[in-house]
N, C-alpha and C. Protein backbone atom coordinates (compact mmCIF):
# COMPACT_ATOMS: atom_id res chain seq x y z
N MET A 1 127.95 112.46 89.52
CA MET A 1 126.85 113.08 90.23
C MET A 1 126.49 112.18 91.42
N THR A 2 126.36 112.78 92.59
CA THR A 2 126.07 112.00 93.79
C THR A 2 124.66 111.44 93.78
N ARG A 3 124.45 110.41 94.54
CA ARG A 3 123.10 109.82 94.66
C ARG A 3 122.13 110.84 95.25
N GLN A 4 122.61 111.65 96.18
CA GLN A 4 121.76 112.68 96.78
C GLN A 4 121.28 113.67 95.72
N LYS A 5 122.17 114.09 94.84
CA LYS A 5 121.80 115.01 93.76
C LYS A 5 120.84 114.33 92.79
N GLN A 6 121.08 113.08 92.49
CA GLN A 6 120.19 112.32 91.62
C GLN A 6 118.79 112.21 92.23
N ARG A 7 118.73 111.96 93.52
CA ARG A 7 117.45 111.86 94.23
C ARG A 7 116.70 113.19 94.16
N LYS A 8 117.42 114.28 94.30
CA LYS A 8 116.81 115.61 94.22
C LYS A 8 116.21 115.84 92.83
N ILE A 9 116.89 115.37 91.80
CA ILE A 9 116.38 115.49 90.44
C ILE A 9 115.11 114.67 90.27
N VAL A 10 115.12 113.44 90.78
CA VAL A 10 113.92 112.60 90.70
C VAL A 10 112.76 113.27 91.43
N PHE A 11 113.02 113.81 92.60
CA PHE A 11 111.98 114.54 93.34
C PHE A 11 111.40 115.66 92.47
N GLN A 12 112.25 116.42 91.81
CA GLN A 12 111.79 117.54 90.99
C GLN A 12 110.97 117.05 89.80
N LEU A 13 111.37 115.93 89.22
CA LEU A 13 110.59 115.36 88.11
C LEU A 13 109.21 114.89 88.59
N ILE A 14 109.18 114.27 89.76
CA ILE A 14 107.90 113.82 90.32
C ILE A 14 107.03 115.03 90.65
N TYR A 15 107.63 116.05 91.19
CA TYR A 15 106.91 117.29 91.49
C TYR A 15 106.25 117.84 90.22
N ALA A 16 106.97 117.83 89.12
CA ALA A 16 106.43 118.32 87.85
C ALA A 16 105.25 117.47 87.39
N LEU A 17 105.28 116.18 87.69
CA LEU A 17 104.16 115.30 87.30
C LEU A 17 102.86 115.72 87.98
N ASN A 18 102.94 116.29 89.17
CA ASN A 18 101.73 116.73 89.87
C ASN A 18 100.97 117.75 89.03
N TYR A 19 101.66 118.48 88.20
CA TYR A 19 101.04 119.53 87.41
C TYR A 19 100.84 119.14 85.95
N GLN A 20 101.70 118.27 85.44
CA GLN A 20 101.63 117.93 84.02
C GLN A 20 100.99 116.57 83.75
N GLY A 21 100.84 115.75 84.77
CA GLY A 21 100.19 114.46 84.60
C GLY A 21 101.15 113.35 84.20
N LEU A 22 100.75 112.12 84.51
CA LEU A 22 101.58 110.95 84.24
C LEU A 22 101.91 110.78 82.76
N GLU A 23 101.01 111.21 81.90
CA GLU A 23 101.25 111.03 80.47
C GLU A 23 102.45 111.84 79.97
N SER A 24 102.91 112.79 80.76
CA SER A 24 104.07 113.60 80.37
C SER A 24 105.40 113.03 80.88
N ARG A 25 105.37 111.85 81.46
CA ARG A 25 106.59 111.31 82.10
C ARG A 25 107.76 111.19 81.13
N ASP A 26 107.54 110.63 79.96
CA ASP A 26 108.64 110.45 79.00
C ASP A 26 109.17 111.80 78.53
N PHE A 27 108.26 112.73 78.28
CA PHE A 27 108.68 114.08 77.87
C PHE A 27 109.52 114.73 78.96
N LEU A 28 109.07 114.66 80.22
CA LEU A 28 109.81 115.29 81.32
C LEU A 28 111.21 114.70 81.45
N LEU A 29 111.31 113.40 81.35
CA LEU A 29 112.61 112.75 81.50
C LEU A 29 113.55 113.14 80.35
N GLU A 30 113.06 113.09 79.14
CA GLU A 30 113.89 113.45 77.99
C GLU A 30 114.26 114.93 78.02
N GLU A 31 113.34 115.78 78.44
CA GLU A 31 113.60 117.22 78.53
C GLU A 31 114.69 117.50 79.57
N PHE A 32 114.65 116.77 80.69
CA PHE A 32 115.70 116.93 81.70
C PHE A 32 117.07 116.65 81.09
N TYR A 33 117.20 115.51 80.42
CA TYR A 33 118.50 115.15 79.83
C TYR A 33 118.93 116.14 78.76
N ARG A 34 117.97 116.60 77.97
CA ARG A 34 118.29 117.56 76.92
C ARG A 34 118.79 118.87 77.53
N GLN A 35 118.11 119.35 78.56
CA GLN A 35 118.52 120.61 79.19
C GLN A 35 119.87 120.51 79.88
N GLN A 36 120.16 119.34 80.41
CA GLN A 36 121.43 119.14 81.11
C GLN A 36 122.57 118.78 80.16
N LEU A 37 122.24 118.62 78.91
CA LEU A 37 123.21 118.25 77.88
C LEU A 37 123.93 116.94 78.22
N LEU A 38 123.17 116.02 78.79
CA LEU A 38 123.72 114.71 79.14
C LEU A 38 123.42 113.75 78.00
N GLU A 39 124.44 113.11 77.52
CA GLU A 39 124.26 112.18 76.40
C GLU A 39 123.84 110.80 76.88
N GLU A 40 124.25 110.44 78.08
CA GLU A 40 123.89 109.13 78.61
C GLU A 40 122.90 109.31 79.75
N HIS A 41 121.94 108.40 79.81
CA HIS A 41 120.98 108.43 80.90
C HIS A 41 121.63 107.93 82.18
N ILE A 42 121.17 108.42 83.31
CA ILE A 42 121.67 108.01 84.62
C ILE A 42 120.72 106.95 85.15
N PRO A 43 121.19 105.72 85.35
CA PRO A 43 120.30 104.62 85.72
C PRO A 43 119.42 104.89 86.94
N TYR A 44 119.98 105.44 88.02
CA TYR A 44 119.17 105.68 89.21
C TYR A 44 118.01 106.62 88.91
N ILE A 45 118.27 107.69 88.16
CA ILE A 45 117.21 108.66 87.84
C ILE A 45 116.13 107.99 87.01
N ASP A 46 116.52 107.30 85.96
CA ASP A 46 115.54 106.62 85.11
C ASP A 46 114.74 105.59 85.89
N HIS A 47 115.44 104.73 86.60
CA HIS A 47 114.79 103.64 87.31
C HIS A 47 113.83 104.17 88.38
N SER A 48 114.26 105.14 89.15
CA SER A 48 113.43 105.65 90.23
C SER A 48 112.23 106.45 89.70
N PHE A 49 112.49 107.33 88.75
CA PHE A 49 111.40 108.15 88.22
C PHE A 49 110.35 107.27 87.53
N LEU A 50 110.80 106.39 86.65
CA LEU A 50 109.84 105.53 85.95
C LEU A 50 109.19 104.54 86.91
N GLY A 51 109.92 104.11 87.94
CA GLY A 51 109.34 103.21 88.94
C GLY A 51 108.22 103.88 89.71
N VAL A 52 108.42 105.14 90.07
CA VAL A 52 107.34 105.88 90.74
C VAL A 52 106.14 106.00 89.81
N CYS A 53 106.38 106.32 88.55
CA CYS A 53 105.29 106.46 87.59
C CYS A 53 104.52 105.14 87.43
N GLU A 54 105.24 104.05 87.30
CA GLU A 54 104.61 102.75 87.09
C GLU A 54 103.84 102.27 88.32
N ASN A 55 104.23 102.73 89.49
CA ASN A 55 103.59 102.30 90.74
C ASN A 55 102.79 103.44 91.38
N TRP A 56 102.41 104.43 90.60
CA TRP A 56 101.75 105.65 91.08
C TRP A 56 100.55 105.34 92.00
N ASP A 57 99.64 104.51 91.52
CA ASP A 57 98.43 104.22 92.30
C ASP A 57 98.75 103.41 93.55
N ALA A 58 99.63 102.44 93.42
CA ALA A 58 100.01 101.62 94.59
C ALA A 58 100.70 102.47 95.65
N ILE A 59 101.53 103.41 95.22
CA ILE A 59 102.21 104.30 96.16
C ILE A 59 101.20 105.18 96.86
N GLY A 60 100.26 105.72 96.11
CA GLY A 60 99.20 106.53 96.71
C GLY A 60 98.38 105.74 97.73
N ALA A 61 98.12 104.48 97.41
CA ALA A 61 97.36 103.61 98.32
C ALA A 61 98.14 103.32 99.60
N LEU A 62 99.44 103.37 99.55
CA LEU A 62 100.26 103.17 100.76
C LEU A 62 100.34 104.46 101.58
N ILE A 63 100.35 105.59 100.91
CA ILE A 63 100.47 106.87 101.61
C ILE A 63 99.18 107.22 102.35
N GLU A 64 98.05 107.07 101.68
CA GLU A 64 96.76 107.53 102.23
C GLU A 64 96.48 107.03 103.65
N PRO A 65 96.59 105.73 103.95
CA PRO A 65 96.26 105.29 105.31
C PRO A 65 97.27 105.76 106.37
N ALA A 66 98.46 106.15 105.94
CA ALA A 66 99.47 106.61 106.90
C ALA A 66 99.29 108.09 107.25
N LEU A 67 98.37 108.76 106.61
CA LEU A 67 98.11 110.18 106.87
C LEU A 67 97.05 110.31 107.96
N THR A 68 97.49 110.58 109.15
CA THR A 68 96.57 110.72 110.27
C THR A 68 95.83 112.05 110.13
N ARG A 69 94.53 111.97 110.00
CA ARG A 69 93.65 113.15 109.88
C ARG A 69 93.99 114.02 108.67
N TRP A 70 94.56 113.43 107.64
CA TRP A 70 94.88 114.14 106.40
C TRP A 70 94.43 113.28 105.23
N SER A 71 94.41 113.87 104.07
CA SER A 71 94.18 113.12 102.84
C SER A 71 95.26 113.56 101.84
N ILE A 72 95.47 112.75 100.84
CA ILE A 72 96.47 113.09 99.83
C ILE A 72 96.14 114.44 99.18
N LYS A 73 94.88 114.71 98.99
CA LYS A 73 94.47 115.96 98.34
C LYS A 73 94.87 117.19 99.13
N ARG A 74 95.04 117.04 100.45
CA ARG A 74 95.41 118.18 101.29
C ARG A 74 96.92 118.40 101.37
N LEU A 75 97.71 117.45 100.91
CA LEU A 75 99.16 117.57 101.00
C LEU A 75 99.68 118.60 100.00
N SER A 76 100.74 119.26 100.38
CA SER A 76 101.41 120.15 99.42
C SER A 76 102.04 119.29 98.33
N ALA A 77 102.21 119.87 97.17
CA ALA A 77 102.83 119.14 96.06
C ALA A 77 104.25 118.72 96.42
N VAL A 78 104.94 119.54 97.21
CA VAL A 78 106.30 119.22 97.64
C VAL A 78 106.30 117.96 98.51
N CYS A 79 105.47 117.96 99.55
CA CYS A 79 105.43 116.79 100.45
C CYS A 79 105.00 115.54 99.71
N LEU A 80 104.02 115.68 98.84
CA LEU A 80 103.54 114.52 98.12
C LEU A 80 104.62 113.94 97.20
N ALA A 81 105.36 114.78 96.52
CA ALA A 81 106.43 114.30 95.65
C ALA A 81 107.52 113.60 96.46
N ILE A 82 107.86 114.18 97.60
CA ILE A 82 108.87 113.57 98.48
C ILE A 82 108.38 112.22 98.98
N LEU A 83 107.14 112.16 99.43
CA LEU A 83 106.58 110.90 99.93
C LEU A 83 106.52 109.85 98.83
N ARG A 84 106.12 110.24 97.64
CA ARG A 84 106.05 109.27 96.54
C ARG A 84 107.43 108.64 96.27
N LEU A 85 108.46 109.46 96.22
CA LEU A 85 109.79 108.94 95.97
C LEU A 85 110.24 108.03 97.11
N ALA A 86 110.07 108.47 98.33
CA ALA A 86 110.52 107.67 99.47
C ALA A 86 109.75 106.36 99.60
N VAL A 87 108.44 106.39 99.37
CA VAL A 87 107.65 105.15 99.44
C VAL A 87 108.09 104.20 98.33
N TYR A 88 108.38 104.74 97.16
CA TYR A 88 108.90 103.88 96.10
C TYR A 88 110.19 103.20 96.56
N GLU A 89 111.10 103.97 97.14
CA GLU A 89 112.37 103.39 97.59
C GLU A 89 112.16 102.36 98.70
N ILE A 90 111.25 102.64 99.61
CA ILE A 90 111.01 101.72 100.73
C ILE A 90 110.35 100.43 100.27
N LYS A 91 109.33 100.55 99.46
CA LYS A 91 108.51 99.38 99.11
C LYS A 91 108.86 98.69 97.79
N PHE A 92 109.49 99.41 96.87
CA PHE A 92 109.71 98.84 95.54
C PHE A 92 111.18 98.77 95.11
N ASN A 93 112.09 99.33 95.90
CA ASN A 93 113.50 99.30 95.54
C ASN A 93 114.30 98.68 96.69
N PRO A 94 114.52 97.39 96.65
CA PRO A 94 115.21 96.71 97.75
C PRO A 94 116.67 97.12 97.92
N GLU A 95 117.24 97.81 96.93
CA GLU A 95 118.63 98.24 97.03
C GLU A 95 118.81 99.41 98.00
N ILE A 96 117.74 100.12 98.31
CA ILE A 96 117.81 101.29 99.19
C ILE A 96 117.31 100.88 100.58
N PRO A 97 118.15 100.96 101.60
CA PRO A 97 117.68 100.66 102.96
C PRO A 97 116.60 101.66 103.39
N ASP A 98 115.62 101.18 104.14
CA ASP A 98 114.51 102.04 104.57
C ASP A 98 115.00 103.30 105.27
N ARG A 99 115.96 103.15 106.17
CA ARG A 99 116.42 104.31 106.95
C ARG A 99 117.09 105.36 106.05
N VAL A 100 117.73 104.92 104.97
CA VAL A 100 118.34 105.85 104.02
C VAL A 100 117.24 106.60 103.27
N ALA A 101 116.24 105.87 102.80
CA ALA A 101 115.13 106.50 102.09
C ALA A 101 114.43 107.53 102.98
N ILE A 102 114.21 107.18 104.24
CA ILE A 102 113.54 108.09 105.18
C ILE A 102 114.41 109.30 105.46
N ASN A 103 115.68 109.08 105.76
CA ASN A 103 116.57 110.22 106.06
C ASN A 103 116.71 111.16 104.87
N GLU A 104 116.83 110.62 103.68
CA GLU A 104 116.95 111.46 102.49
C GLU A 104 115.67 112.23 102.24
N ALA A 105 114.53 111.61 102.49
CA ALA A 105 113.24 112.29 102.32
C ALA A 105 113.11 113.45 103.32
N ILE A 106 113.55 113.22 104.54
CA ILE A 106 113.51 114.29 105.56
C ILE A 106 114.37 115.46 105.11
N GLU A 107 115.55 115.17 104.58
CA GLU A 107 116.43 116.25 104.11
C GLU A 107 115.79 117.03 102.95
N LEU A 108 115.16 116.33 102.03
CA LEU A 108 114.45 117.01 100.95
C LEU A 108 113.33 117.89 101.49
N ALA A 109 112.61 117.37 102.48
CA ALA A 109 111.50 118.13 103.07
C ALA A 109 112.01 119.38 103.78
N LYS A 110 113.13 119.27 104.44
CA LYS A 110 113.72 120.44 105.11
C LYS A 110 114.17 121.48 104.09
N GLU A 111 114.68 121.02 102.95
CA GLU A 111 115.18 121.95 101.94
C GLU A 111 114.06 122.60 101.13
N PHE A 112 113.04 121.81 100.78
CA PHE A 112 112.02 122.31 99.86
C PHE A 112 110.67 122.59 100.51
N GLY A 113 110.43 122.06 101.70
CA GLY A 113 109.15 122.24 102.35
C GLY A 113 109.17 123.37 103.36
N ASP A 114 108.12 123.41 104.17
CA ASP A 114 108.07 124.42 105.22
C ASP A 114 108.73 123.87 106.49
N GLU A 115 108.64 124.62 107.56
CA GLU A 115 109.37 124.24 108.79
C GLU A 115 108.88 122.95 109.42
N ASP A 116 107.64 122.54 109.14
CA ASP A 116 107.10 121.31 109.72
C ASP A 116 107.20 120.11 108.78
N SER A 117 107.64 120.32 107.57
CA SER A 117 107.63 119.25 106.57
C SER A 117 108.52 118.07 106.94
N GLY A 118 109.68 118.34 107.50
CA GLY A 118 110.59 117.25 107.86
C GLY A 118 109.98 116.29 108.86
N SER A 119 109.38 116.81 109.91
CA SER A 119 108.79 115.93 110.92
C SER A 119 107.54 115.24 110.39
N PHE A 120 106.79 115.93 109.54
CA PHE A 120 105.59 115.32 108.94
C PHE A 120 105.99 114.14 108.06
N VAL A 121 106.96 114.36 107.19
CA VAL A 121 107.44 113.30 106.29
C VAL A 121 107.99 112.13 107.10
N HIS A 122 108.73 112.43 108.15
CA HIS A 122 109.28 111.37 109.00
C HIS A 122 108.18 110.51 109.60
N GLY A 123 107.15 111.15 110.12
CA GLY A 123 106.05 110.41 110.73
C GLY A 123 105.31 109.52 109.73
N VAL A 124 105.02 110.04 108.58
CA VAL A 124 104.31 109.27 107.57
C VAL A 124 105.17 108.09 107.10
N LEU A 125 106.42 108.34 106.80
CA LEU A 125 107.29 107.28 106.29
C LEU A 125 107.59 106.23 107.34
N SER A 126 107.72 106.62 108.58
CA SER A 126 107.93 105.64 109.64
C SER A 126 106.75 104.69 109.75
N ALA A 127 105.55 105.22 109.62
CA ALA A 127 104.34 104.37 109.65
C ALA A 127 104.31 103.42 108.46
N ILE A 128 104.70 103.90 107.31
CA ILE A 128 104.70 103.07 106.10
C ILE A 128 105.78 101.99 106.16
N ALA A 129 106.95 102.34 106.67
CA ALA A 129 108.07 101.40 106.73
C ALA A 129 107.79 100.23 107.67
N GLN A 130 106.96 100.47 108.66
CA GLN A 130 106.64 99.38 109.61
C GLN A 130 105.64 98.48 108.97
């Protein structure tokens, strides 16, 4: 499974957390593996998803000031999930270059968001990466 596909799965798991809450993280992860009939866990998925969960508040604190004239509460669940994953990769995962995290987030925003999501995500992440 490609890293891009793995990242998309992590995004979807984070998106689900917006509705089910952080306390459902272990259930969501195990349910994903059960539904996919995967016997072995995929390290990138586990590490990234659990890393976002463990740094949830810190990630939110990094996103909020980068939102010009916006608040986290006003963001769509799609954009917020994408931003959470990308900020985790930028600030907490040194193995992922910033430009890769930003470019992958833009692609996710183009696929799952509205027509302005890609440029919005790019602007927010560029501010955070600096």
